[in-house]
N, C-alpha and C. Protein backbone atom coordinates (compact mmCIF):
# COMPACT_ATOMS: atom_id res chain seq x y z
N MET A 1 191.88 103.76 -1.92
CA MET A 1 192.34 105.14 -1.81
C MET A 1 191.80 105.76 -0.52
N GLN A 2 192.68 106.46 0.20
CA GLN A 2 192.28 107.12 1.44
C GLN A 2 192.46 108.63 1.30
N PRO A 3 191.42 109.42 1.66
CA PRO A 3 191.60 110.89 1.59
C PRO A 3 192.58 111.36 2.64
N LEU A 4 193.43 112.29 2.28
CA LEU A 4 194.34 112.88 3.25
C LEU A 4 193.52 113.78 4.17
N GLU A 5 193.74 113.64 5.46
CA GLU A 5 192.89 114.26 6.47
C GLU A 5 192.77 115.77 6.30
N PHE A 6 193.85 116.44 5.91
CA PHE A 6 193.86 117.90 5.85
C PHE A 6 193.37 118.46 4.53
N SER A 7 193.00 117.60 3.58
CA SER A 7 192.75 118.07 2.21
C SER A 7 191.28 118.24 1.86
N ASN A 8 190.38 118.06 2.83
CA ASN A 8 188.94 118.21 2.58
C ASN A 8 188.46 117.34 1.43
N GLY A 9 189.01 116.13 1.34
CA GLY A 9 188.56 115.19 0.33
C GLY A 9 188.99 115.52 -1.08
N THR A 10 190.08 116.28 -1.25
CA THR A 10 190.54 116.64 -2.59
C THR A 10 191.82 115.92 -3.00
N VAL A 11 192.54 115.34 -2.03
CA VAL A 11 193.79 114.61 -2.30
C VAL A 11 193.73 113.27 -1.57
N PHE A 12 194.22 112.22 -2.24
CA PHE A 12 194.11 110.88 -1.72
C PHE A 12 195.48 110.19 -1.74
N SER A 13 195.59 109.14 -0.97
CA SER A 13 196.86 108.40 -0.94
C SER A 13 196.60 106.91 -0.95
N GLU A 14 197.61 106.20 -1.46
CA GLU A 14 197.66 104.74 -1.41
C GLU A 14 199.12 104.39 -1.21
N GLY A 15 199.45 103.99 0.00
CA GLY A 15 200.86 103.82 0.33
C GLY A 15 201.56 105.17 0.27
N ARG A 16 202.66 105.23 -0.48
CA ARG A 16 203.39 106.49 -0.62
C ARG A 16 202.92 107.33 -1.80
N HIS A 17 201.97 106.83 -2.55
CA HIS A 17 201.52 107.52 -3.75
C HIS A 17 200.39 108.49 -3.45
N ILE A 18 200.39 109.62 -4.15
CA ILE A 18 199.39 110.67 -3.97
C ILE A 18 198.54 110.76 -5.23
N TYR A 19 197.24 111.02 -5.06
CA TYR A 19 196.33 111.06 -6.20
C TYR A 19 195.32 112.20 -6.05
N THR A 20 194.81 112.66 -7.19
CA THR A 20 193.60 113.48 -7.22
C THR A 20 192.59 112.76 -8.11
N ILE A 21 191.31 113.06 -7.91
CA ILE A 21 190.27 112.49 -8.77
C ILE A 21 190.18 113.35 -10.03
N SER A 22 190.31 112.74 -11.18
CA SER A 22 190.37 113.48 -12.44
C SER A 22 189.08 114.24 -12.72
N ALA A 23 189.24 115.53 -13.03
CA ALA A 23 188.11 116.36 -13.47
C ALA A 23 187.88 116.20 -14.96
N ALA A 24 188.77 115.49 -15.65
CA ALA A 24 188.64 115.25 -17.09
C ALA A 24 189.03 113.81 -17.38
N PRO A 25 188.19 112.86 -16.99
CA PRO A 25 188.52 111.44 -17.19
C PRO A 25 188.89 111.13 -18.64
N GLY A 26 189.93 110.31 -18.78
CA GLY A 26 190.39 109.93 -20.10
C GLY A 26 191.49 110.81 -20.65
N HIS A 27 191.83 111.89 -19.93
CA HIS A 27 192.86 112.83 -20.40
C HIS A 27 194.05 112.81 -19.44
N ARG A 28 195.19 112.38 -19.93
CA ARG A 28 196.43 112.49 -19.16
C ARG A 28 197.14 113.78 -19.54
N VAL A 29 197.89 114.35 -18.60
CA VAL A 29 198.62 115.59 -18.85
C VAL A 29 200.10 115.34 -19.05
N TYR A 30 200.68 114.43 -18.27
CA TYR A 30 202.13 114.19 -18.37
C TYR A 30 202.47 112.70 -18.23
N GLY A 31 201.57 111.86 -18.75
CA GLY A 31 201.81 110.43 -18.72
C GLY A 31 201.59 109.78 -17.38
N GLU A 32 200.87 110.43 -16.50
CA GLU A 32 200.61 109.92 -15.15
C GLU A 32 199.73 108.67 -15.18
N ARG A 33 199.89 107.83 -14.17
CA ARG A 33 199.02 106.66 -14.03
C ARG A 33 197.62 107.12 -13.66
N THR A 34 196.60 106.44 -14.19
CA THR A 34 195.21 106.83 -13.94
C THR A 34 194.37 105.61 -13.57
N PRO A 35 194.60 105.04 -12.39
CA PRO A 35 193.79 103.88 -11.98
C PRO A 35 192.34 104.27 -11.73
N VAL A 36 191.44 103.35 -12.01
CA VAL A 36 190.02 103.56 -11.76
C VAL A 36 189.62 102.73 -10.54
N VAL A 37 189.04 103.39 -9.54
CA VAL A 37 188.63 102.73 -8.31
C VAL A 37 187.18 103.13 -8.03
N ASP A 38 186.33 102.15 -7.89
CA ASP A 38 184.90 102.39 -7.62
C ASP A 38 184.29 103.36 -8.62
N GLY A 39 184.68 103.21 -9.88
CA GLY A 39 184.10 104.03 -10.93
C GLY A 39 184.69 105.42 -11.07
N LYS A 40 185.70 105.76 -10.26
CA LYS A 40 186.32 107.08 -10.32
C LYS A 40 187.75 106.96 -10.85
N GLU A 41 188.11 107.85 -11.76
CA GLU A 41 189.47 107.85 -12.30
C GLU A 41 190.36 108.74 -11.45
N TYR A 42 191.41 108.15 -10.91
CA TYR A 42 192.38 108.88 -10.10
C TYR A 42 193.62 109.16 -10.93
N ARG A 43 194.29 110.27 -10.65
CA ARG A 43 195.54 110.63 -11.34
C ARG A 43 196.68 110.65 -10.33
N GLU A 44 197.70 109.84 -10.57
CA GLU A 44 198.84 109.86 -9.67
C GLU A 44 199.57 111.19 -9.81
N TRP A 45 199.95 111.75 -8.66
CA TRP A 45 200.54 113.08 -8.61
C TRP A 45 202.00 112.94 -8.20
N ASN A 46 202.89 113.18 -9.14
CA ASN A 46 204.32 112.93 -8.95
C ASN A 46 205.00 114.11 -8.26
N PRO A 47 205.53 113.92 -7.03
CA PRO A 47 206.19 115.02 -6.33
C PRO A 47 207.50 115.47 -6.97
N ASN A 48 208.03 114.66 -7.89
CA ASN A 48 209.22 115.09 -8.64
C ASN A 48 208.87 116.01 -9.79
N ARG A 49 207.57 116.13 -10.10
CA ARG A 49 207.11 116.97 -11.19
C ARG A 49 206.26 118.15 -10.73
N SER A 50 206.02 118.23 -9.42
CA SER A 50 205.11 119.24 -8.90
C SER A 50 205.54 119.69 -7.51
N LYS A 51 205.76 120.98 -7.34
CA LYS A 51 206.16 121.48 -6.02
C LYS A 51 205.04 121.36 -5.00
N LEU A 52 203.80 121.48 -5.45
CA LEU A 52 202.69 121.31 -4.52
C LEU A 52 202.60 119.87 -4.03
N ALA A 53 202.81 118.92 -4.93
CA ALA A 53 202.84 117.51 -4.52
C ALA A 53 204.04 117.24 -3.61
N ALA A 54 205.17 117.89 -3.88
CA ALA A 54 206.35 117.74 -3.02
C ALA A 54 206.05 118.23 -1.61
N TYR A 55 205.33 119.35 -1.51
CA TYR A 55 204.94 119.89 -0.20
C TYR A 55 204.08 118.87 0.55
N ILE A 56 203.12 118.28 -0.13
CA ILE A 56 202.25 117.29 0.50
C ILE A 56 203.06 116.06 0.90
N ALA A 57 203.92 115.58 0.00
CA ALA A 57 204.73 114.39 0.28
C ALA A 57 205.68 114.62 1.45
N ASN A 58 206.09 115.86 1.67
CA ASN A 58 207.01 116.18 2.76
C ASN A 58 206.29 116.46 4.08
N GLY A 59 205.01 116.18 4.12
CA GLY A 59 204.28 116.31 5.38
C GLY A 59 203.54 117.62 5.56
N GLY A 60 203.39 118.39 4.48
CA GLY A 60 202.63 119.63 4.58
C GLY A 60 201.23 119.39 5.11
N LYS A 61 200.77 120.25 5.99
CA LYS A 61 199.50 120.01 6.68
C LYS A 61 198.46 121.10 6.44
N VAL A 62 198.80 122.10 5.62
CA VAL A 62 197.84 123.18 5.36
C VAL A 62 197.62 123.26 3.87
N LEU A 63 196.40 122.95 3.44
CA LEU A 63 196.06 122.97 2.03
C LEU A 63 194.72 123.70 1.88
N PRO A 64 194.77 125.01 1.62
CA PRO A 64 193.55 125.80 1.63
C PRO A 64 192.72 125.74 0.35
N ILE A 65 192.97 124.75 -0.50
CA ILE A 65 192.24 124.60 -1.76
C ILE A 65 191.16 123.54 -1.60
N GLY A 66 189.90 123.96 -1.69
CA GLY A 66 188.78 123.05 -1.57
C GLY A 66 188.07 122.85 -2.88
N LYS A 67 187.02 122.05 -2.88
CA LYS A 67 186.30 121.72 -4.11
C LYS A 67 185.69 122.95 -4.78
N CYS A 68 185.30 123.94 -4.00
CA CYS A 68 184.62 125.12 -4.54
C CYS A 68 185.54 126.34 -4.61
N SER A 69 186.83 126.17 -4.39
CA SER A 69 187.76 127.30 -4.36
C SER A 69 187.98 127.90 -5.74
N ASN A 70 188.11 129.22 -5.78
CA ASN A 70 188.61 129.91 -6.95
C ASN A 70 190.09 130.21 -6.71
N VAL A 71 190.94 129.65 -7.56
CA VAL A 71 192.39 129.71 -7.35
C VAL A 71 193.04 130.52 -8.47
N LEU A 72 193.87 131.48 -8.08
CA LEU A 72 194.70 132.20 -9.04
C LEU A 72 196.08 131.56 -8.99
N TYR A 73 196.48 130.95 -10.09
CA TYR A 73 197.75 130.22 -10.16
C TYR A 73 198.74 131.04 -10.97
N LEU A 74 199.80 131.51 -10.33
CA LEU A 74 200.82 132.35 -10.97
C LEU A 74 202.02 131.50 -11.34
N GLY A 75 202.38 131.51 -12.62
CA GLY A 75 203.48 130.69 -13.09
C GLY A 75 203.00 129.29 -13.45
N ALA A 76 201.94 129.23 -14.26
CA ALA A 76 201.27 127.96 -14.54
C ALA A 76 202.08 127.05 -15.45
N SER A 77 203.07 127.58 -16.18
CA SER A 77 203.89 126.80 -17.10
C SER A 77 202.99 126.03 -18.08
N SER A 78 203.25 124.74 -18.29
CA SER A 78 202.45 123.98 -19.26
C SER A 78 201.18 123.41 -18.66
N GLY A 79 201.02 123.55 -17.33
CA GLY A 79 199.76 123.14 -16.71
C GLY A 79 199.79 121.84 -15.94
N THR A 80 200.98 121.31 -15.64
CA THR A 80 201.05 120.04 -14.91
C THR A 80 200.40 120.14 -13.53
N THR A 81 200.95 120.99 -12.66
CA THR A 81 200.35 121.16 -11.34
C THR A 81 198.97 121.81 -11.41
N PRO A 82 198.76 122.84 -12.25
CA PRO A 82 197.42 123.41 -12.33
C PRO A 82 196.34 122.39 -12.66
N SER A 83 196.69 121.35 -13.43
CA SER A 83 195.68 120.34 -13.76
C SER A 83 195.25 119.58 -12.51
N HIS A 84 196.18 119.34 -11.58
CA HIS A 84 195.81 118.70 -10.32
C HIS A 84 195.02 119.66 -9.43
N VAL A 85 195.36 120.94 -9.47
CA VAL A 85 194.57 121.94 -8.75
C VAL A 85 193.16 121.99 -9.32
N SER A 86 193.04 121.83 -10.64
CA SER A 86 191.74 121.76 -11.30
C SER A 86 190.93 120.57 -10.77
N ASP A 87 191.59 119.44 -10.55
CA ASP A 87 190.91 118.29 -9.95
C ASP A 87 190.42 118.62 -8.54
N MET A 88 191.29 119.27 -7.76
CA MET A 88 190.95 119.60 -6.38
C MET A 88 189.80 120.59 -6.31
N ALA A 89 189.87 121.63 -7.13
CA ALA A 89 188.84 122.68 -7.14
C ALA A 89 187.84 122.40 -8.25
N SER A 90 187.29 121.20 -8.23
CA SER A 90 186.46 120.72 -9.34
C SER A 90 185.19 121.54 -9.54
N GLU A 91 184.72 122.21 -8.48
CA GLU A 91 183.51 123.03 -8.58
C GLU A 91 183.84 124.52 -8.54
N GLY A 92 185.14 124.85 -8.60
CA GLY A 92 185.57 126.24 -8.61
C GLY A 92 186.25 126.58 -9.93
N LYS A 93 187.12 127.57 -9.90
CA LYS A 93 187.84 128.02 -11.09
C LYS A 93 189.33 128.07 -10.79
N VAL A 94 190.14 127.77 -11.80
CA VAL A 94 191.60 127.89 -11.68
C VAL A 94 192.06 128.83 -12.79
N TYR A 95 192.47 130.03 -12.41
CA TYR A 95 192.95 131.04 -13.36
C TYR A 95 194.45 130.87 -13.49
N CYS A 96 194.91 130.46 -14.66
CA CYS A 96 196.30 130.05 -14.87
C CYS A 96 197.08 131.14 -15.60
N VAL A 97 197.92 131.86 -14.88
CA VAL A 97 198.70 132.95 -15.45
C VAL A 97 200.09 132.44 -15.84
N GLU A 98 200.45 132.63 -17.11
CA GLU A 98 201.77 132.24 -17.62
C GLU A 98 202.28 133.33 -18.55
N PHE A 99 203.58 133.62 -18.44
CA PHE A 99 204.18 134.73 -19.19
C PHE A 99 204.87 134.29 -20.48
N ALA A 100 205.42 133.06 -20.50
CA ALA A 100 206.21 132.59 -21.64
C ALA A 100 205.28 132.06 -22.75
N PRO A 101 205.33 132.63 -23.95
CA PRO A 101 204.42 132.20 -25.03
C PRO A 101 204.50 130.72 -25.37
N ARG A 102 205.71 130.13 -25.36
CA ARG A 102 205.83 128.71 -25.72
C ARG A 102 205.13 127.83 -24.70
N MET A 103 205.36 128.10 -23.41
CA MET A 103 204.70 127.32 -22.37
C MET A 103 203.19 127.58 -22.39
N PHE A 104 202.82 128.80 -22.73
CA PHE A 104 201.40 129.14 -22.76
C PHE A 104 200.66 128.31 -23.80
N ARG A 105 201.30 128.05 -24.94
CA ARG A 105 200.65 127.24 -25.96
C ARG A 105 200.35 125.83 -25.44
N GLU A 106 201.30 125.26 -24.70
CA GLU A 106 201.06 123.94 -24.10
C GLU A 106 199.97 124.03 -23.03
N LEU A 107 199.99 125.11 -22.28
CA LEU A 107 198.99 125.31 -21.23
C LEU A 107 197.58 125.34 -21.82
N VAL A 108 197.42 126.05 -22.92
CA VAL A 108 196.10 126.14 -23.57
C VAL A 108 195.59 124.75 -23.93
N GLY A 109 196.47 123.90 -24.46
CA GLY A 109 196.08 122.55 -24.82
C GLY A 109 195.66 121.72 -23.62
N ASN A 110 196.35 121.91 -22.49
CA ASN A 110 196.00 121.15 -21.29
C ASN A 110 194.76 121.70 -20.59
N CYS A 111 194.42 122.95 -20.87
CA CYS A 111 193.20 123.53 -20.29
C CYS A 111 191.96 123.12 -21.07
N SER A 112 192.12 122.78 -22.33
CA SER A 112 190.96 122.59 -23.22
C SER A 112 189.96 121.54 -22.73
N PRO A 113 190.40 120.39 -22.17
CA PRO A 113 189.39 119.43 -21.69
C PRO A 113 188.87 119.74 -20.28
N ARG A 114 189.35 120.83 -19.70
CA ARG A 114 189.00 121.16 -18.32
C ARG A 114 188.32 122.53 -18.28
N PRO A 115 187.01 122.58 -18.25
CA PRO A 115 186.30 123.86 -18.31
C PRO A 115 186.55 124.78 -17.12
N ASN A 116 187.06 124.25 -16.01
CA ASN A 116 187.31 125.13 -14.86
C ASN A 116 188.73 125.70 -14.86
N MET A 117 189.53 125.39 -15.90
CA MET A 117 190.88 125.95 -16.04
C MET A 117 190.90 127.02 -17.11
N MET A 118 191.35 128.23 -16.76
CA MET A 118 191.37 129.33 -17.71
C MET A 118 192.79 129.85 -17.91
N PRO A 119 193.37 129.69 -19.11
CA PRO A 119 194.73 130.18 -19.37
C PRO A 119 194.74 131.68 -19.60
N ILE A 120 195.72 132.36 -19.00
CA ILE A 120 195.86 133.81 -19.13
C ILE A 120 197.31 134.13 -19.45
N LEU A 121 197.58 134.74 -20.59
CA LEU A 121 198.94 135.14 -20.96
C LEU A 121 199.19 136.51 -20.36
N ALA A 122 199.99 136.56 -19.28
CA ALA A 122 200.20 137.82 -18.57
C ALA A 122 201.41 137.71 -17.66
N ASP A 123 201.82 138.85 -17.13
CA ASP A 123 202.95 138.97 -16.21
C ASP A 123 202.42 139.00 -14.79
N ALA A 124 202.87 138.05 -13.94
CA ALA A 124 202.37 137.93 -12.57
C ALA A 124 202.70 139.16 -11.72
N THR A 125 203.66 139.98 -12.15
CA THR A 125 203.98 141.20 -11.40
C THR A 125 203.04 142.35 -11.73
N LYS A 126 202.12 142.13 -12.66
CA LYS A 126 201.20 143.18 -13.09
C LYS A 126 199.76 142.68 -13.01
N PRO A 127 199.23 142.47 -11.80
CA PRO A 127 197.88 141.92 -11.65
C PRO A 127 196.79 142.76 -12.29
N SER A 128 197.05 144.04 -12.49
CA SER A 128 196.03 144.89 -13.13
C SER A 128 195.74 144.43 -14.56
N GLU A 129 196.72 143.72 -15.18
CA GLU A 129 196.54 143.26 -16.56
C GLU A 129 195.49 142.15 -16.68
N TYR A 130 195.26 141.41 -15.62
CA TYR A 130 194.29 140.30 -15.69
C TYR A 130 193.16 140.43 -14.67
N LYS A 131 193.08 141.59 -14.02
CA LYS A 131 192.01 141.82 -13.04
C LYS A 131 190.63 141.66 -13.67
N PHE A 132 190.47 142.11 -14.90
CA PHE A 132 189.17 142.06 -15.55
C PHE A 132 188.73 140.63 -15.86
N VAL A 133 189.69 139.70 -15.92
CA VAL A 133 189.37 138.30 -16.20
C VAL A 133 189.08 137.55 -14.91
N VAL A 134 189.90 137.77 -13.90
CA VAL A 134 189.82 136.99 -12.67
C VAL A 134 188.74 137.50 -11.72
N GLY A 135 188.70 138.79 -11.51
CA GLY A 135 187.73 139.35 -10.58
C GLY A 135 188.16 139.17 -9.14
N SER A 136 187.99 137.96 -8.60
CA SER A 136 188.39 137.68 -7.22
C SER A 136 188.87 136.24 -7.12
N ALA A 137 189.58 135.93 -6.03
CA ALA A 137 190.11 134.59 -5.81
C ALA A 137 190.10 134.28 -4.32
N ASP A 138 189.94 133.01 -3.99
CA ASP A 138 190.02 132.57 -2.59
C ASP A 138 191.46 132.29 -2.19
N VAL A 139 192.23 131.76 -3.15
CA VAL A 139 193.61 131.35 -2.90
C VAL A 139 194.48 131.83 -4.05
N VAL A 140 195.67 132.35 -3.73
CA VAL A 140 196.68 132.63 -4.75
C VAL A 140 197.83 131.65 -4.55
N TYR A 141 198.16 130.92 -5.61
CA TYR A 141 199.28 129.98 -5.58
C TYR A 141 200.34 130.50 -6.54
N GLU A 142 201.60 130.59 -6.07
CA GLU A 142 202.66 131.19 -6.88
C GLU A 142 203.84 130.25 -7.06
N ASP A 143 204.29 130.15 -8.31
CA ASP A 143 205.48 129.36 -8.64
C ASP A 143 206.19 130.08 -9.79
N VAL A 144 206.85 131.19 -9.47
CA VAL A 144 207.54 131.97 -10.49
C VAL A 144 209.02 132.07 -10.14
N ALA A 145 209.86 132.07 -11.17
CA ALA A 145 211.31 132.09 -10.98
C ALA A 145 211.85 133.50 -11.18
N GLN A 146 211.62 134.37 -10.20
CA GLN A 146 212.14 135.73 -10.27
C GLN A 146 212.24 136.32 -8.87
N LYS A 147 212.78 137.51 -8.79
CA LYS A 147 212.97 138.16 -7.50
C LYS A 147 211.64 138.64 -6.92
N ASN A 148 211.69 138.96 -5.62
CA ASN A 148 210.54 139.55 -4.92
C ASN A 148 209.31 138.64 -4.95
N GLN A 149 209.54 137.34 -4.73
CA GLN A 149 208.44 136.39 -4.79
C GLN A 149 207.41 136.65 -3.69
N ALA A 150 207.84 137.07 -2.51
CA ALA A 150 206.90 137.35 -1.43
C ALA A 150 205.99 138.51 -1.79
N ASP A 151 206.55 139.55 -2.36
CA ASP A 151 205.74 140.72 -2.72
C ASP A 151 204.79 140.42 -3.88
N ILE A 152 205.21 139.57 -4.81
CA ILE A 152 204.32 139.18 -5.91
C ILE A 152 203.08 138.48 -5.34
N LEU A 153 203.30 137.58 -4.39
CA LEU A 153 202.18 136.90 -3.76
C LEU A 153 201.28 137.89 -3.03
N ALA A 154 201.88 138.73 -2.20
CA ALA A 154 201.10 139.68 -1.40
C ALA A 154 200.33 140.66 -2.28
N ASP A 155 200.97 141.14 -3.35
CA ASP A 155 200.29 142.08 -4.26
C ASP A 155 199.05 141.43 -4.88
N ASN A 156 199.19 140.20 -5.33
CA ASN A 156 198.06 139.52 -5.97
C ASN A 156 196.97 139.18 -4.96
N MET A 157 197.34 138.80 -3.76
CA MET A 157 196.34 138.54 -2.73
C MET A 157 195.53 139.79 -2.42
N GLU A 158 196.21 140.94 -2.37
CA GLU A 158 195.51 142.19 -2.09
C GLU A 158 194.57 142.57 -3.23
N VAL A 159 195.04 142.47 -4.46
CA VAL A 159 194.23 142.87 -5.61
C VAL A 159 192.98 142.01 -5.75
N PHE A 160 193.12 140.70 -5.48
CA PHE A 160 192.02 139.78 -5.73
C PHE A 160 191.29 139.34 -4.46
N GLY A 161 191.64 139.95 -3.33
CA GLY A 161 190.91 139.70 -2.09
C GLY A 161 191.05 138.29 -1.55
N ALA A 162 192.17 137.64 -1.84
CA ALA A 162 192.36 136.25 -1.41
C ALA A 162 192.68 136.17 0.09
N ARG A 163 192.08 135.22 0.75
CA ARG A 163 192.36 135.01 2.17
C ARG A 163 193.64 134.21 2.36
N TYR A 164 193.89 133.27 1.44
CA TYR A 164 195.04 132.37 1.58
C TYR A 164 196.02 132.52 0.42
N GLY A 165 197.28 132.20 0.69
CA GLY A 165 198.30 132.22 -0.35
C GLY A 165 199.31 131.11 -0.12
N MET A 166 199.87 130.61 -1.22
CA MET A 166 200.95 129.62 -1.16
C MET A 166 202.01 130.05 -2.16
N VAL A 167 203.28 130.03 -1.74
CA VAL A 167 204.36 130.40 -2.64
C VAL A 167 205.51 129.42 -2.50
N ALA A 168 205.95 128.86 -3.61
CA ALA A 168 207.12 127.98 -3.64
C ALA A 168 208.34 128.87 -3.88
N VAL A 169 208.98 129.29 -2.81
CA VAL A 169 210.10 130.23 -2.91
C VAL A 169 211.33 129.53 -3.47
N LYS A 170 211.87 130.08 -4.54
CA LYS A 170 213.09 129.57 -5.17
C LYS A 170 214.25 130.45 -4.71
N ALA A 171 215.10 129.92 -3.84
CA ALA A 171 216.17 130.72 -3.26
C ALA A 171 217.11 131.26 -4.33
N ARG A 172 217.44 130.48 -5.34
CA ARG A 172 218.39 130.90 -6.36
C ARG A 172 217.83 132.00 -7.26
N SER A 173 216.53 132.13 -7.33
CA SER A 173 215.94 133.22 -8.11
C SER A 173 216.02 134.53 -7.35
N GLU A 174 216.05 134.45 -6.02
CA GLU A 174 216.16 135.67 -5.21
C GLU A 174 217.61 136.13 -5.10
N ASP A 175 218.51 135.18 -4.82
CA ASP A 175 219.93 135.52 -4.64
C ASP A 175 220.75 134.25 -4.79
N VAL A 176 221.56 134.18 -5.83
CA VAL A 176 222.33 132.96 -6.10
C VAL A 176 223.44 132.73 -5.08
N ALA A 177 223.87 133.80 -4.39
CA ALA A 177 225.01 133.68 -3.47
C ALA A 177 224.58 133.45 -2.03
N GLU A 178 223.40 133.92 -1.66
CA GLU A 178 222.98 133.85 -0.26
C GLU A 178 222.52 132.44 0.10
N ALA A 179 222.71 132.07 1.36
CA ALA A 179 222.26 130.76 1.84
C ALA A 179 220.74 130.66 1.71
N PRO A 180 220.24 129.55 1.15
CA PRO A 180 218.80 129.41 0.96
C PRO A 180 217.97 129.66 2.22
N LYS A 181 218.43 129.16 3.38
CA LYS A 181 217.66 129.36 4.60
C LYS A 181 217.49 130.84 4.93
N ALA A 182 218.51 131.65 4.64
CA ALA A 182 218.41 133.09 4.88
C ALA A 182 217.40 133.72 3.93
N VAL A 183 217.37 133.24 2.69
CA VAL A 183 216.39 133.74 1.71
C VAL A 183 214.98 133.40 2.17
N PHE A 184 214.79 132.18 2.66
CA PHE A 184 213.46 131.76 3.10
C PHE A 184 212.99 132.59 4.30
N ARG A 185 213.90 132.81 5.26
CA ARG A 185 213.51 133.60 6.44
C ARG A 185 213.15 135.02 6.03
N ARG A 186 213.87 135.57 5.08
CA ARG A 186 213.56 136.93 4.62
C ARG A 186 212.21 136.99 3.93
N ALA A 187 211.90 135.97 3.15
CA ALA A 187 210.60 135.92 2.48
C ALA A 187 209.47 135.81 3.52
N GLU A 188 209.68 135.00 4.54
CA GLU A 188 208.66 134.86 5.59
C GLU A 188 208.45 136.19 6.31
N GLU A 189 209.55 136.88 6.64
CA GLU A 189 209.42 138.15 7.34
C GLU A 189 208.73 139.20 6.47
N ARG A 190 209.03 139.18 5.17
CA ARG A 190 208.39 140.13 4.27
C ARG A 190 206.89 139.90 4.20
N LEU A 191 206.48 138.62 4.17
CA LEU A 191 205.05 138.31 4.13
C LEU A 191 204.36 138.77 5.42
N LYS A 192 205.05 138.63 6.54
CA LYS A 192 204.49 139.14 7.81
C LYS A 192 204.34 140.65 7.75
N GLU A 193 205.35 141.33 7.19
CA GLU A 193 205.28 142.79 7.06
C GLU A 193 204.10 143.21 6.19
N ARG A 194 203.74 142.36 5.23
CA ARG A 194 202.64 142.65 4.32
C ARG A 194 201.28 142.21 4.90
N GLY A 195 201.26 141.87 6.17
CA GLY A 195 199.99 141.56 6.83
C GLY A 195 199.56 140.11 6.74
N MET A 196 200.51 139.19 6.57
CA MET A 196 200.19 137.78 6.46
C MET A 196 200.60 137.02 7.72
N ARG A 197 199.86 135.98 8.03
CA ARG A 197 200.22 135.06 9.10
C ARG A 197 200.75 133.78 8.46
N ILE A 198 201.92 133.32 8.90
CA ILE A 198 202.52 132.10 8.34
C ILE A 198 201.83 130.88 8.95
N LEU A 199 201.20 130.07 8.11
CA LEU A 199 200.53 128.86 8.57
C LEU A 199 201.44 127.64 8.49
N ASP A 200 202.35 127.64 7.53
CA ASP A 200 203.30 126.54 7.38
C ASP A 200 204.45 127.02 6.51
N ALA A 201 205.64 126.50 6.76
CA ALA A 201 206.82 126.79 5.95
C ALA A 201 207.66 125.51 5.95
N ARG A 202 207.85 124.93 4.76
CA ARG A 202 208.41 123.58 4.71
C ARG A 202 209.34 123.42 3.50
N SER A 203 210.51 122.84 3.74
CA SER A 203 211.45 122.55 2.66
C SER A 203 210.85 121.56 1.68
N LEU A 204 211.21 121.72 0.39
CA LEU A 204 210.73 120.80 -0.64
C LEU A 204 211.80 119.78 -1.04
N GLU A 205 212.93 119.78 -0.35
CA GLU A 205 213.94 118.76 -0.60
C GLU A 205 213.44 117.41 -0.08
N PRO A 206 213.78 116.30 -0.69
CA PRO A 206 214.75 116.12 -1.77
C PRO A 206 214.16 116.30 -3.18
N PHE A 207 212.89 116.63 -3.26
CA PHE A 207 212.25 116.74 -4.58
C PHE A 207 212.70 117.98 -5.34
N GLU A 208 212.88 119.08 -4.62
CA GLU A 208 213.32 120.34 -5.23
C GLU A 208 214.43 120.94 -4.38
N ASP A 209 215.57 121.21 -4.99
CA ASP A 209 216.71 121.78 -4.27
C ASP A 209 216.49 123.27 -4.03
N SER A 210 216.80 123.73 -2.82
CA SER A 210 216.76 125.16 -2.46
C SER A 210 215.39 125.79 -2.69
N HIS A 211 214.34 125.06 -2.31
CA HIS A 211 212.96 125.55 -2.39
C HIS A 211 212.28 125.38 -1.04
N GLU A 212 211.38 126.31 -0.72
CA GLU A 212 210.54 126.19 0.46
C GLU A 212 209.12 126.61 0.11
N MET A 213 208.14 125.85 0.56
CA MET A 213 206.75 126.23 0.39
C MET A 213 206.31 127.01 1.63
N ILE A 214 205.77 128.19 1.41
CA ILE A 214 205.22 128.99 2.50
C ILE A 214 203.73 129.13 2.28
N VAL A 215 202.95 128.82 3.31
CA VAL A 215 201.49 128.95 3.25
C VAL A 215 201.08 130.07 4.21
N VAL A 216 200.28 131.01 3.72
CA VAL A 216 199.93 132.16 4.54
C VAL A 216 198.41 132.39 4.53
N GLU A 217 197.98 133.11 5.56
CA GLU A 217 196.59 133.58 5.65
C GLU A 217 196.63 135.06 5.94
N LYS A 218 195.74 135.79 5.31
CA LYS A 218 195.68 137.23 5.54
C LYS A 218 195.27 137.46 6.98
N ALA A 219 196.09 138.19 7.73
CA ALA A 219 195.83 138.41 9.15
C ALA A 219 194.69 139.40 9.36
């Protein structure tokens, strides 16, 4: 296994395959392969199941999540990608916000063997609802299927004092009729208006149709 140069030793590769070191050895989340190398259990990270893995597989070069990062994850769903973020931020915290009760129940189960993952049933558009739980964050990661995705990211970054943000923009959630590239450019411009510097903006195709990952830093 070789660490990816830009990942500060949190993501590894072997050929075309991507891995994180498991923070909960012996526990699989979605049937992923878990090879053991030099006494460490690695979890294969499938880019067809994770937009963050798709970003990395597509050559993304900015990954502001380190071993000690506190990450606010918006749109955690059942916890597939958050579990890999938990591996990456093994000495930090991952606050997992999910709005749908059914997905939240699965999320709770996937958080249970991982003490650094905290499930929060809340609406990502209302950060005041979970401010008392989170306190502050170094990075906000967003994967929500609704309008105004850029503003949701910026609002949460402001409330929690995050320096970095990542948002997987879903063009069809913003406007089903508009060309995806136009939606992405508008999201980038809105983030700039909100005081962000764009560090990377990259299509997630072929893994995800009409999606772009935008990575920002507070200017």
